[in-house]
Amino acid sequence: MDNDLHIPSLDTILKNGWDIRDGDTALIITDTGIGEDTLAPLLAKKEKEALETLGCNCTLLTQQIKTDTDYLDQSIFEQLSTLPKGAIVMVAVSNNIGLIPAGTIKNFKTFVLERDLRLIYSLGLSKIRKENWNIFADAISFDPTARLEELKRMKYILDNGNHITITTTKGTGLNLDIRGRKAHIACGLHQYRSTNIPFGEIYIAPNETKTTGIVMIDGTIKTLAGSHLLKDDFYLEFKDGRLIKNTSKELRDTIKTIKQTDRNIDVLAEFGIGLNPKATLIGNTLVDEKTLGTAHIALGMNTVFGGTNSCSYHLDQVFKNPEILVDGKILKM
């Protein structure tokens, strides 16, 4: 693929999922990219074209690449602050979007949602290798609204469930308590107010003190250095919600580093299920955690989706071919 993206029916996908109408206001935020790592500005361009096709009043703003501790450009923050309620904010960035530079709220997502804006975001795009851009674009072309009733069914089961049991032929045997927790659908449906893209995931924050058992990770690992496909499987063992054994030296080193400043990284914070049939494992969690036939757990932060574990990090670990039971009944996907 040359320096372009072909995303079939992106305008239709956005219209179906986000009820976008002629005259809506949209702000797209991207960065300059670096060298050949230009996926972020390319995606932002395609998003702008799709939204304008739908009749949106679009503004595309570009800043330099931001780290986790950098601040959003002041000029972008000012335009963001003046958007009318219901406006669309799209983020396509190479690394991170940046922290909010004014007031007490520093988290970008929190700021956007508190202003009743609609948010669609893609972070860490520079980590997707150029040879996988076509796979990424194909995954974006998945229209989840065709499976809306199935997604609602799965959410209803999880929302009203008490326990999840996950097994795999490689030895996973993990038990989660989900009483009182609500599932979230990252499937481009506007009633859920925010989602990342590609679409295609349902996820929940289990009770932070009751997870027990073992999960075999055989898909994608995520550490401070980023994410990649695994050559060798490893397992994580949990007791009372916390990690007690970890056979990945790579992940152990990351956790050791994080624990110097944040001791809550060893809590199982999320269980998610991939539902996107157009996604393929490429070694990047933005795509891999959406892949149909996979599931993932995450360590660390879950306060933004209904959990109580405050942490500065969120590390997804993807595994393949799970069998998932909710209160003893198989969850059909």
Protein backbone atom coordinates (compact mmCIF):
# COMPACT_ATOMS: atom_id res chain seq x y z
CA MET A 1 0.00 0.00 0.00
CA ASP A 2 1.31 3.42 -0.95
CA ASN A 3 0.83 6.50 1.21
CA ASP A 4 -2.94 6.25 1.15
CA LEU A 5 -5.76 4.40 2.87
CA HIS A 6 -8.77 2.78 1.28
CA ILE A 7 -11.56 2.39 3.84
CA PRO A 8 -14.73 1.20 2.09
CA SER A 9 -17.97 2.93 3.13
CA LEU A 10 -16.44 4.89 6.03
CA ASP A 11 -19.11 7.58 5.63
CA THR A 12 -21.91 4.98 5.82
CA ILE A 13 -20.34 3.29 8.85
CA LEU A 14 -20.10 6.60 10.72
CA LYS A 15 -23.62 7.61 9.73
CA ASN A 16 -25.13 4.27 10.79
CA GLY A 17 -23.37 4.13 14.12
CA TRP A 18 -23.28 7.78 15.13
CA ASP A 19 -26.46 9.23 13.66
CA ILE A 20 -24.42 11.91 11.92
CA ARG A 21 -26.54 14.43 10.09
CA ASP A 22 -26.15 17.23 7.59
CA GLY A 23 -24.93 20.33 9.41
CA ASP A 24 -23.33 18.56 12.40
CA THR A 25 -20.12 20.08 13.73
CA ALA A 26 -16.99 17.93 13.79
CA LEU A 27 -13.46 18.58 15.06
CA ILE A 28 -10.71 16.19 13.95
CA ILE A 29 -7.39 16.23 15.82
CA THR A 30 -4.25 14.61 14.45
CA ASP A 31 -0.49 15.13 14.38
CA THR A 32 2.24 15.47 11.80
CA GLY A 33 3.50 11.89 11.94
CA ILE A 34 7.21 11.28 11.53
CA GLY A 35 9.10 9.86 8.57
CA GLU A 36 7.02 7.05 7.05
CA ASP A 37 4.85 6.83 10.18
CA THR A 38 2.06 8.93 8.66
CA LEU A 39 -0.90 6.68 9.41
CA ALA A 40 -2.38 9.21 11.85
CA PRO A 41 -2.68 12.15 9.43
CA LEU A 42 -3.79 9.80 6.63
CA LEU A 43 -6.63 8.43 8.78
CA ALA A 44 -7.61 11.95 9.84
CA LYS A 45 -7.82 12.96 6.17
CA LYS A 46 -10.10 10.00 5.39
CA GLU A 47 -12.29 10.78 8.39
CA LYS A 48 -12.64 14.39 7.27
CA GLU A 49 -13.61 13.29 3.75
CA ALA A 50 -16.21 10.88 5.13
CA LEU A 51 -17.74 13.44 7.49
CA GLU A 52 -17.88 16.10 4.78
CA THR A 53 -19.63 13.60 2.50
CA LEU A 54 -22.29 13.41 5.22
CA GLY A 55 -22.61 17.21 5.29
CA CYS A 56 -20.66 17.91 8.47
CA ASN A 57 -18.92 21.21 9.12
CA CYS A 58 -15.40 19.84 9.69
CA THR A 59 -12.27 21.37 11.11
CA LEU A 60 -8.99 19.42 10.96
CA LEU A 61 -6.30 20.50 13.45
CA THR A 62 -2.73 19.23 13.55
CA GLN A 63 -0.23 19.27 16.42
CA GLN A 64 3.18 17.72 17.04
CA ILE A 65 3.31 14.15 18.34
CA LYS A 66 2.49 14.01 22.07
CA THR A 67 3.71 11.68 24.81
CA ASP A 68 1.62 10.56 27.79
CA THR A 69 2.83 13.55 29.82
CA ASP A 70 2.62 16.28 27.15
CA TYR A 71 -0.26 18.74 26.97
CA LEU A 72 -2.72 19.25 24.16
CA ASP A 73 -1.88 22.36 22.12
CA GLN A 74 -3.51 25.42 23.67
CA SER A 75 -5.06 26.51 20.35
CA ILE A 76 -6.69 23.08 19.93
CA PHE A 77 -7.90 23.13 23.53
CA GLU A 78 -9.55 26.51 22.92
CA GLN A 79 -11.43 25.25 19.85
CA LEU A 80 -12.41 22.09 21.69
CA SER A 81 -13.81 24.20 24.54
CA THR A 82 -16.16 26.10 22.24
CA LEU A 83 -17.77 23.12 20.49
CA PRO A 84 -21.57 22.90 20.83
CA LYS A 85 -23.12 19.96 22.69
CA GLY A 86 -23.45 16.89 20.52
CA ALA A 87 -20.53 17.84 18.28
CA ILE A 88 -18.25 15.07 17.04
CA VAL A 89 -14.62 14.87 18.14
CA MET A 90 -12.39 12.50 16.18
CA VAL A 91 -8.82 11.78 17.25
CA ALA A 92 -6.23 10.06 15.06
CA VAL A 93 -2.76 10.37 16.59
CA SER A 94 0.60 8.67 16.31
CA ASN A 95 1.09 8.29 20.07
CA ASN A 96 -1.23 10.09 22.47
CA ILE A 97 -3.55 13.08 22.32
CA GLY A 98 -2.08 14.98 25.29
CA LEU A 99 -3.40 16.18 28.63
CA ILE A 100 -5.95 18.96 29.04
CA PRO A 101 -3.88 22.10 29.80
CA ALA A 102 -6.28 24.04 32.03
CA GLY A 103 -8.36 23.45 35.15
CA THR A 104 -8.37 20.34 37.32
CA ILE A 105 -9.33 17.82 34.61
CA LYS A 106 -6.27 16.45 32.87
CA ASN A 107 -7.78 13.45 31.10
CA PHE A 108 -8.84 14.26 27.53
CA LYS A 109 -11.65 11.70 27.36
CA THR A 110 -13.16 12.89 30.65
CA PHE A 111 -13.09 16.50 29.47
CA VAL A 112 -14.78 15.68 26.15
CA LEU A 113 -17.54 13.53 27.66
CA GLU A 114 -18.30 16.02 30.43
CA ARG A 115 -19.02 18.56 27.69
CA ASP A 116 -21.58 16.17 26.07
CA LEU A 117 -19.50 15.70 22.95
CA ARG A 118 -19.29 12.50 20.89
CA LEU A 119 -15.82 10.96 20.77
CA ILE A 120 -14.22 8.53 18.29
CA TYR A 121 -10.49 7.99 18.77
CA SER A 122 -7.47 6.04 17.51
CA LEU A 123 -4.26 6.31 19.54
CA GLY A 124 -0.77 4.87 19.00
CA LEU A 125 -1.05 4.67 15.22
CA SER A 126 2.71 4.98 14.68
CA LYS A 127 3.02 1.50 16.21
CA ILE A 128 1.17 -0.07 13.26
CA ARG A 129 3.74 -1.16 10.68
CA LYS A 130 3.20 0.07 7.16
CA GLU A 131 2.75 -3.44 5.78
CA ASN A 132 -0.29 -3.77 8.08
CA TRP A 133 -2.01 -0.53 7.09
CA ASN A 134 -4.32 -2.41 4.71
CA ILE A 135 -5.36 -4.79 7.53
CA PHE A 136 -6.03 -1.79 9.78
CA ALA A 137 -8.11 -0.10 7.08
CA ASP A 138 -10.07 -3.29 6.44
CA ALA A 139 -10.82 -3.63 10.16
CA ILE A 140 -12.20 -0.07 10.19
CA SER A 141 -14.57 -1.00 7.35
CA PHE A 142 -16.49 -3.37 9.66
CA ASP A 143 -20.02 -1.99 10.18
CA PRO A 144 -21.19 -3.20 13.62
CA THR A 145 -24.72 -1.88 13.19
CA ALA A 146 -25.47 -4.98 11.12
CA ARG A 147 -25.02 -6.96 14.35
CA LEU A 148 -26.81 -4.50 16.62
CA GLU A 149 -29.32 -6.98 18.05
CA GLU A 150 -26.56 -9.50 18.80
CA LEU A 151 -24.49 -6.82 20.53
CA LYS A 152 -27.44 -5.72 22.63
CA ARG A 153 -28.08 -9.37 23.56
CA MET A 154 -24.50 -9.86 24.70
CA LYS A 155 -24.55 -6.62 26.68
CA TYR A 156 -27.81 -7.60 28.37
CA ILE A 157 -26.36 -10.97 29.41
CA LEU A 158 -23.21 -9.38 30.84
CA ASP A 159 -25.08 -6.52 32.51
CA ASN A 160 -27.30 -9.00 34.33
CA GLY A 161 -24.71 -11.69 34.96
CA ASN A 162 -22.94 -12.65 38.17
CA HIS A 163 -19.97 -14.76 37.12
CA ILE A 164 -17.85 -15.30 34.02
CA THR A 165 -15.76 -18.43 33.49
CA ILE A 166 -13.19 -18.44 30.66
CA THR A 167 -11.43 -21.58 29.42
CA THR A 168 -9.16 -22.46 26.49
CA THR A 169 -7.61 -25.71 25.28
CA LYS A 170 -4.20 -24.32 26.26
CA GLY A 171 -5.09 -24.27 29.95
CA THR A 172 -6.93 -21.04 30.73
CA GLY A 173 -9.28 -21.37 33.67
CA LEU A 174 -10.28 -17.91 34.88
CA ASN A 175 -13.21 -16.90 37.09
CA LEU A 176 -14.54 -13.34 37.23
CA ASP A 177 -17.18 -11.71 39.41
CA ILE A 178 -19.22 -9.14 37.45
CA ARG A 179 -22.14 -8.53 39.81
CA GLY A 180 -23.27 -4.90 39.58
CA ARG A 181 -20.95 -4.08 36.66
CA LYS A 182 -22.08 -2.94 33.21
CA ALA A 183 -20.62 -3.93 29.87
CA HIS A 184 -19.47 -1.40 27.29
CA ILE A 185 -19.60 -1.75 23.52
CA ALA A 186 -16.74 -0.30 21.47
CA CYS A 187 -18.77 -0.72 18.32
CA GLY A 188 -19.36 2.74 16.96
CA LEU A 189 -22.82 3.14 18.47
CA HIS A 190 -23.47 6.76 19.42
CA GLN A 191 -25.58 5.98 22.46
CA TYR A 192 -22.39 4.85 24.22
CA ARG A 193 -20.90 8.34 23.62
CA SER A 194 -17.31 7.27 22.95
CA THR A 195 -15.46 4.50 21.18
CA ASN A 196 -12.13 3.82 19.60
CA ILE A 197 -11.79 2.73 16.00
CA PRO A 198 -11.60 0.08 14.51
CA PHE A 199 -14.91 -0.94 16.06
CA GLY A 200 -15.70 -4.38 17.40
CA GLU A 201 -15.32 -5.11 21.13
CA ILE A 202 -17.47 -5.64 24.20
CA TYR A 203 -15.78 -5.28 27.58
CA ILE A 204 -16.47 -5.10 31.30
CA ALA A 205 -14.64 -4.26 34.54
CA PRO A 206 -14.83 -7.29 36.88
CA ASN A 207 -14.84 -6.97 40.66
CA GLU A 208 -11.25 -6.00 41.47
CA THR A 209 -10.89 -8.30 44.51
CA LYS A 210 -12.50 -11.54 43.32
CA THR A 211 -10.76 -12.73 40.15
CA THR A 212 -9.15 -16.16 40.53
CA GLY A 213 -7.43 -18.59 38.18
CA ILE A 214 -5.05 -18.71 35.24
CA VAL A 215 -5.15 -17.17 31.77
CA MET A 216 -2.83 -18.39 29.00
CA ILE A 217 -1.73 -15.49 26.78
CA ASP A 218 -0.97 -16.70 23.25
CA GLY A 219 -1.86 -13.73 21.04
CA THR A 220 -0.53 -10.24 21.76
CA ILE A 221 1.42 -8.86 24.71
CA LYS A 222 1.43 -5.20 25.74
CA THR A 223 4.18 -3.66 27.85
CA LEU A 224 5.64 -0.19 28.34
CA ALA A 225 7.56 -0.70 25.09
CA GLY A 226 4.35 -1.27 23.14
CA SER A 227 2.61 -4.38 21.85
CA HIS A 228 3.65 -7.28 19.63
CA LEU A 229 2.68 -10.80 18.63
CA LEU A 230 3.96 -13.52 20.91
CA LYS A 231 6.50 -16.15 19.90
CA ASP A 232 6.12 -18.00 23.20
CA ASP A 233 2.94 -18.30 25.25
CA PHE A 234 2.90 -17.29 28.90
CA TYR A 235 0.42 -17.44 31.73
CA LEU A 236 -0.86 -15.09 34.39
CA GLU A 237 -2.31 -16.36 37.66
CA PHE A 238 -4.65 -14.32 39.84
CA LYS A 239 -5.91 -14.58 43.39
CA ASP A 240 -8.35 -12.16 45.00
CA GLY A 241 -8.11 -9.99 41.90
CA ARG A 242 -4.33 -9.53 41.96
CA LEU A 243 -1.59 -11.05 39.87
CA ILE A 244 0.37 -13.62 41.88
CA LYS A 245 2.35 -15.37 39.11
CA ASN A 246 3.57 -14.20 35.72
CA THR A 247 5.75 -16.36 33.44
CA SER A 248 6.60 -13.52 31.01
CA LYS A 249 9.91 -11.85 31.87
CA GLU A 250 9.01 -9.01 29.48
CA LEU A 251 5.78 -8.26 31.32
CA ARG A 252 7.40 -8.79 34.74
CA ASP A 253 9.99 -6.13 33.91
CA THR A 254 7.25 -3.69 32.88
CA ILE A 255 5.25 -4.32 36.06
CA LYS A 256 8.37 -3.93 38.20
CA THR A 257 9.06 -0.55 36.61
CA ILE A 258 5.49 0.67 36.97
CA LYS A 259 5.26 -0.49 40.60
CA GLN A 260 7.92 2.03 41.57
CA THR A 261 5.22 4.70 41.24
CA ASP A 262 1.93 2.83 40.86
CA ARG A 263 1.21 -0.30 42.89
CA ASN A 264 -2.22 -0.93 41.37
CA ILE A 265 -0.85 -2.24 38.06
CA ASP A 266 -1.21 -5.88 39.19
CA VAL A 267 -5.03 -5.78 39.40
CA LEU A 268 -7.10 -7.49 36.71
CA ALA A 269 -9.08 -4.52 35.45
CA GLU A 270 -10.87 -5.62 32.30
CA PHE A 271 -12.22 -8.58 30.39
CA GLY A 272 -12.98 -7.95 26.73
CA ILE A 273 -14.20 -9.94 23.74
CA GLY A 274 -13.22 -9.30 20.11
CA LEU A 275 -16.14 -9.18 17.66
CA ASN A 276 -14.70 -7.73 14.42
CA PRO A 277 -14.58 -10.38 11.63
CA LYS A 278 -12.45 -8.10 9.45
CA ALA A 279 -9.69 -7.68 12.05
CA THR A 280 -6.58 -9.87 12.17
CA LEU A 281 -3.85 -10.18 14.78
CA ILE A 282 -1.03 -7.87 13.73
CA GLY A 283 0.75 -7.22 17.04
CA ASN A 284 -1.08 -3.99 17.86
CA THR A 285 -3.78 -4.06 20.53
CA LEU A 286 -5.88 -1.37 18.82
CA VAL A 287 -6.67 -3.98 16.16
CA ASP A 288 -5.90 -7.24 17.95
CA GLU A 289 -8.31 -6.77 20.87
CA LYS A 290 -11.15 -6.38 18.32
CA THR A 291 -10.37 -9.58 16.39
CA LEU A 292 -13.21 -12.10 16.28
CA GLY A 293 -12.21 -15.32 18.03
CA THR A 294 -10.07 -13.59 20.65
CA ALA A 295 -10.54 -12.24 24.14
CA HIS A 296 -8.30 -10.13 26.33
CA ILE A 297 -7.69 -9.19 29.91
CA ALA A 298 -6.06 -5.97 31.04
CA LEU A 299 -4.01 -4.99 34.06
CA GLY A 300 -4.26 -1.59 35.70
CA MET A 301 -6.75 1.22 35.17
CA ASN A 302 -10.51 0.66 34.83
CA THR A 303 -12.07 3.74 36.42
CA VAL A 304 -13.19 5.20 33.07
CA PHE A 305 -15.45 2.21 32.32
CA GLY A 306 -17.09 1.39 35.62
CA GLY A 307 -14.29 0.00 37.79
CA THR A 308 -12.61 1.24 40.95
CA ASN A 309 -8.91 0.58 40.27
CA SER A 310 -7.08 3.86 39.85
CA CYS A 311 -3.85 3.45 37.88
CA SER A 312 -1.89 5.42 35.30
CA TYR A 313 -1.49 2.41 33.01
CA HIS A 314 -3.71 -0.09 31.19
CA LEU A 315 -2.01 -3.15 29.68
CA ASP A 316 -4.12 -5.40 27.42
CA GLN A 317 -3.09 -9.03 26.88
CA VAL A 318 -4.81 -10.89 24.02
CA PHE A 319 -5.49 -14.63 23.84
CA LYS A 320 -7.17 -16.86 21.27
CA ASN A 321 -10.12 -19.23 21.05
CA PRO A 322 -11.81 -18.70 24.42
CA GLU A 323 -14.93 -20.46 25.62
CA ILE A 324 -16.89 -18.00 27.73
CA LEU A 325 -19.64 -18.94 30.16
CA VAL A 326 -21.85 -16.43 31.95
CA ASP A 327 -23.54 -17.99 34.98
CA GLY A 328 -22.83 -21.42 33.52
CA LYS A 329 -24.23 -20.74 30.02
CA ILE A 330 -22.06 -20.39 26.93
CA LEU A 331 -21.93 -16.83 25.60
CA LYS A 332 -22.48 -17.07 21.84
CA MET A 333 -20.42 -14.65 19.74
